[in-house]
Amino acid sequence: MAARQRRFSDRVEAGERLAEVLAGRVRPPVVVLAIPRGGVVVGARVADRLDAPMDVVVPRKVGAPGNPELAVGAVAAGVEAIDGEAIRRLGLDPAAVRAEAARQTAEVARRTAAYRRGRPPLDLAGRTAVLVDDGVATGWTSVAAARFTRRAGAARVLVAVPVGPAGLGERLRPVVDEAVVLHTPDPYLAVGQAYQHFPQVGDDEVLRCLAGRAQAPR
């Protein structure tokens, strides 16, 4: 599902508008999995509206060696989603890509521990997992997060974002049950173009959003 709409004032409004759409199509038991950092601000509003607990899932983009902004895949805990065809087409060194994937995997572990602070992950078995971010660019982090979520036992996986490129639902179809995208700018240059205010989100804000929302699923 995708629609072209006006820009969001900030992540809070984006989360509220996303929550309105999800409230009519997601049935419990539900767990919201937010992608730090900005996705946690959006996800907090979704979790409140759905009366669902919220946890984090931490994917990391794997950039091309020598060109880190060019995504050739992503990783999450125990999961790699690497674009082998792009590696061949660009003539990249597979060993260098693997080394970068290993570095990002270590960062996944570090950030996950920092955000959970010893708290165990929520049990996803048999539940609907709603993956929330503040926007999607290439889609690789969404793919890695969805694969992680499926491996964790979620019965249904839904990606929900305020903004993403046209055709995102088709790209994610092999790994999710549904993708909800509110805004598909044309041309699509960056996630931030869909927001009037798009400041960086710090770890302290992530922890504040998680506080009180990471209770056991109902």
Protein backbone atom coordinates (compact mmCIF):
# COMPACT_ATOMS: atom_id res chain seq x y z
CA MET A 1 0.00 0.00 0.00
CA ALA A 2 1.44 3.39 -0.94
CA ALA A 3 0.10 6.88 -1.31
CA ARG A 4 1.42 10.33 -2.16
CA GLN A 5 0.75 12.78 0.68
CA ARG A 6 2.03 16.10 1.99
CA ARG A 7 5.25 16.27 3.96
CA PHE A 8 5.35 15.41 7.65
CA SER A 9 6.13 18.15 10.15
CA ASP A 10 8.40 15.80 12.13
CA ARG A 11 8.78 12.17 13.19
CA VAL A 12 6.09 12.47 15.85
CA GLU A 13 3.46 13.49 13.31
CA ALA A 14 4.71 10.82 10.92
CA GLY A 15 4.27 8.20 13.64
CA GLU A 16 0.77 9.40 14.44
CA ARG A 17 -0.30 9.27 10.81
CA LEU A 18 1.26 5.86 10.34
CA ALA A 19 -0.49 4.64 13.48
CA GLU A 20 -3.86 5.76 12.13
CA VAL A 21 -3.42 3.56 9.07
CA LEU A 22 -2.11 0.57 11.00
CA ALA A 23 -4.83 0.68 13.65
CA GLY A 24 -7.38 -0.52 11.14
CA ARG A 25 -5.35 -3.32 9.63
CA VAL A 26 -3.19 -4.94 12.33
CA ARG A 27 -4.69 -7.41 14.77
CA PRO A 28 -3.17 -8.53 18.09
CA PRO A 29 -1.01 -10.01 19.36
CA VAL A 30 1.38 -7.38 18.00
CA VAL A 31 4.97 -6.37 18.75
CA VAL A 32 6.41 -3.16 17.30
CA LEU A 33 10.07 -3.44 16.32
CA ALA A 34 11.60 -0.03 15.73
CA ILE A 35 14.82 0.61 13.83
CA PRO A 36 17.11 3.06 15.67
CA ARG A 37 17.50 5.81 15.82
CA GLY A 38 14.77 7.80 14.08
CA GLY A 39 12.49 4.81 13.68
CA VAL A 40 12.14 4.55 17.45
CA VAL A 41 10.51 7.98 17.64
CA VAL A 42 8.04 6.96 14.94
CA GLY A 43 7.56 3.50 16.43
CA ALA A 44 6.70 4.86 19.87
CA ARG A 45 3.56 6.49 18.47
CA VAL A 46 2.63 3.32 16.62
CA ALA A 47 3.13 1.19 19.73
CA ASP A 48 0.97 3.51 21.82
CA ARG A 49 -1.87 3.50 19.30
CA LEU A 50 -1.76 -0.29 18.86
CA ASP A 51 -1.38 -0.82 22.63
CA ALA A 52 1.62 -3.00 21.82
CA PRO A 53 5.06 -3.42 23.37
CA MET A 54 8.04 -2.00 21.47
CA ASP A 55 11.53 -3.35 21.06
CA VAL A 56 14.42 -2.48 18.77
CA VAL A 57 15.89 -4.37 15.84
CA VAL A 58 19.25 -3.03 14.70
CA PRO A 59 20.16 -3.55 11.05
CA ARG A 60 23.23 -1.90 9.55
CA LYS A 61 23.93 -1.01 5.95
CA VAL A 62 26.94 -2.68 4.33
CA GLY A 63 28.60 -0.10 2.10
CA ALA A 64 30.80 -0.80 -0.90
CA PRO A 65 34.53 -0.78 -0.10
CA GLY A 66 35.82 2.71 -0.85
CA ASN A 67 32.28 4.05 -1.27
CA PRO A 68 30.45 3.52 2.04
CA GLU A 69 27.36 5.45 0.89
CA LEU A 70 26.71 2.87 -1.83
CA ALA A 71 24.76 0.07 -0.16
CA VAL A 72 25.49 -3.48 -1.30
CA GLY A 73 23.50 -5.10 1.48
CA ALA A 74 22.81 -4.99 5.19
CA VAL A 75 23.21 -7.09 8.32
CA ALA A 76 21.21 -7.70 11.48
CA ALA A 77 21.86 -10.05 14.40
CA GLY A 78 22.63 -13.43 12.85
CA VAL A 79 21.49 -12.28 9.40
CA GLU A 80 23.23 -11.08 6.24
CA ALA A 81 21.47 -9.71 3.17
CA ILE A 82 24.16 -9.08 0.56
CA ASP A 83 23.63 -8.15 -3.09
CA GLY A 84 25.91 -10.62 -4.81
CA GLU A 85 24.86 -9.46 -8.26
CA ALA A 86 25.84 -5.85 -7.45
CA ILE A 87 29.20 -7.02 -6.10
CA ARG A 88 29.89 -8.80 -9.40
CA ARG A 89 28.58 -5.95 -11.54
CA LEU A 90 30.70 -3.35 -9.72
CA GLY A 91 33.79 -5.55 -9.63
CA LEU A 92 34.07 -5.35 -5.85
CA ASP A 93 36.39 -7.53 -3.81
CA PRO A 94 34.15 -10.10 -2.05
CA ALA A 95 36.64 -10.41 0.82
CA ALA A 96 36.50 -6.67 1.42
CA VAL A 97 32.70 -6.77 1.43
CA ARG A 98 32.76 -9.63 3.94
CA ALA A 99 35.14 -7.65 6.14
CA GLU A 100 32.80 -4.67 6.05
CA ALA A 101 29.84 -6.92 6.85
CA ALA A 102 31.76 -8.26 9.86
CA ARG A 103 32.46 -4.72 11.09
CA GLN A 104 28.80 -3.79 10.80
CA THR A 105 27.75 -7.01 12.55
CA ALA A 106 29.94 -6.04 15.50
CA GLU A 107 28.27 -2.61 15.53
CA VAL A 108 24.85 -4.29 15.51
CA ALA A 109 25.80 -6.19 18.66
CA ARG A 110 27.19 -3.08 20.35
CA ARG A 111 24.14 -0.93 19.63
CA THR A 112 21.66 -3.64 20.53
CA ALA A 113 23.32 -4.12 23.92
CA ALA A 114 23.38 -0.36 24.51
CA TYR A 115 19.66 0.03 23.80
CA ARG A 116 18.50 -3.09 25.68
CA ARG A 117 20.73 -2.53 28.73
CA GLY A 118 20.52 -6.14 29.80
CA ARG A 119 16.83 -6.54 29.01
CA PRO A 120 16.06 -9.71 27.05
CA PRO A 121 14.44 -9.34 23.62
CA LEU A 122 10.68 -9.61 23.39
CA ASP A 123 9.32 -12.99 22.38
CA LEU A 124 8.04 -12.78 18.78
CA ALA A 125 6.84 -16.37 18.46
CA GLY A 126 3.41 -16.51 16.85
CA ARG A 127 2.96 -12.73 16.86
CA THR A 128 2.59 -10.02 14.25
CA ALA A 129 5.78 -7.97 14.11
CA VAL A 130 5.46 -4.42 12.78
CA LEU A 131 8.86 -3.13 11.64
CA VAL A 132 8.94 0.67 11.83
CA ASP A 133 11.52 3.14 10.54
CA ASP A 134 11.35 6.86 9.80
CA GLY A 135 11.91 6.10 6.14
CA VAL A 136 13.53 3.74 3.66
CA ALA A 137 16.15 4.56 1.05
CA THR A 138 17.48 1.41 -0.63
CA GLY A 139 15.49 -1.10 1.41
CA TRP A 140 18.46 -3.25 2.41
CA THR A 141 18.15 -2.56 6.13
CA SER A 142 14.45 -3.43 5.93
CA VAL A 143 15.31 -6.73 4.25
CA ALA A 144 17.85 -7.62 6.95
CA ALA A 145 15.47 -6.59 9.74
CA ALA A 146 12.63 -8.63 8.21
CA ARG A 147 14.79 -11.73 7.90
CA PHE A 148 15.89 -11.36 11.51
CA THR A 149 12.27 -10.99 12.60
CA ARG A 150 11.12 -14.04 10.68
CA ARG A 151 13.96 -16.10 12.16
CA ALA A 152 12.88 -14.96 15.62
CA GLY A 153 9.54 -16.69 15.07
CA ALA A 154 7.13 -13.93 14.08
CA ALA A 155 4.01 -15.36 12.44
CA ARG A 156 3.49 -12.24 10.33
CA VAL A 157 5.96 -9.50 9.37
CA LEU A 158 4.83 -6.07 8.27
CA VAL A 159 7.09 -3.14 7.34
CA ALA A 160 5.55 0.27 8.02
CA VAL A 161 7.29 3.53 7.12
CA PRO A 162 6.16 7.11 6.54
CA VAL A 163 8.26 7.48 3.39
CA GLY A 164 9.94 5.21 0.87
CA PRO A 165 10.62 4.80 -2.84
CA ALA A 166 7.97 3.72 -5.31
CA GLY A 167 7.98 -0.05 -5.68
CA LEU A 168 9.24 -0.72 -2.16
CA GLY A 169 6.41 -3.16 -1.50
CA GLU A 170 7.40 -5.25 -4.50
CA ARG A 171 11.03 -5.28 -3.43
CA LEU A 172 10.15 -6.42 0.08
CA ARG A 173 7.52 -8.94 -1.00
CA PRO A 174 9.86 -11.98 -0.70
CA VAL A 175 10.60 -11.24 2.99
CA VAL A 176 7.46 -9.55 4.40
CA ASP A 177 3.74 -10.18 4.42
CA GLU A 178 2.86 -6.54 3.82
CA ALA A 179 4.51 -3.15 3.37
CA VAL A 180 2.76 0.11 4.31
CA VAL A 181 4.33 3.27 2.85
CA LEU A 182 2.52 6.56 3.36
CA HIS A 183 4.54 8.83 1.09
CA THR A 184 6.43 8.10 -2.14
CA PRO A 185 8.09 11.35 -3.32
CA ASP A 186 8.85 11.75 -7.00
CA PRO A 187 11.70 12.27 -7.48
CA TYR A 188 12.89 10.53 -4.32
CA LEU A 189 16.25 11.86 -3.20
CA ALA A 190 16.45 11.19 0.54
CA VAL A 191 14.27 10.29 3.52
CA GLY A 192 14.63 13.79 4.97
CA GLN A 193 12.87 15.43 2.02
CA ALA A 194 9.56 14.12 3.37
CA TYR A 195 9.96 16.04 6.65
CA GLN A 196 9.86 19.73 7.48
CA HIS A 197 11.96 19.09 10.61
CA PHE A 198 14.35 16.13 10.52
CA PRO A 199 16.94 16.52 13.30
CA GLN A 200 19.33 13.78 14.29
CA VAL A 201 18.08 11.49 17.06
CA GLY A 202 20.44 10.70 19.90
CA ASP A 203 20.75 7.53 21.95
CA ASP A 204 19.22 9.27 24.98
CA GLU A 205 16.02 9.91 23.02
CA VAL A 206 15.94 6.28 21.88
CA LEU A 207 16.17 5.13 25.49
CA ARG A 208 13.42 7.53 26.57
CA CYS A 209 11.11 6.18 23.86
CA LEU A 210 11.82 2.59 24.89
CA ALA A 211 11.23 3.25 28.60
CA GLY A 212 7.92 1.75 29.66
CA ARG A 213 7.16 0.41 26.18
CA ALA A 214 9.23 -2.77 26.33
CA GLN A 215 6.92 -4.72 28.62
CA ALA A 216 6.02 -8.34 27.88
CA PRO A 217 3.53 -8.78 25.01
CA ARG A 218 -0.13 -8.83 25.97
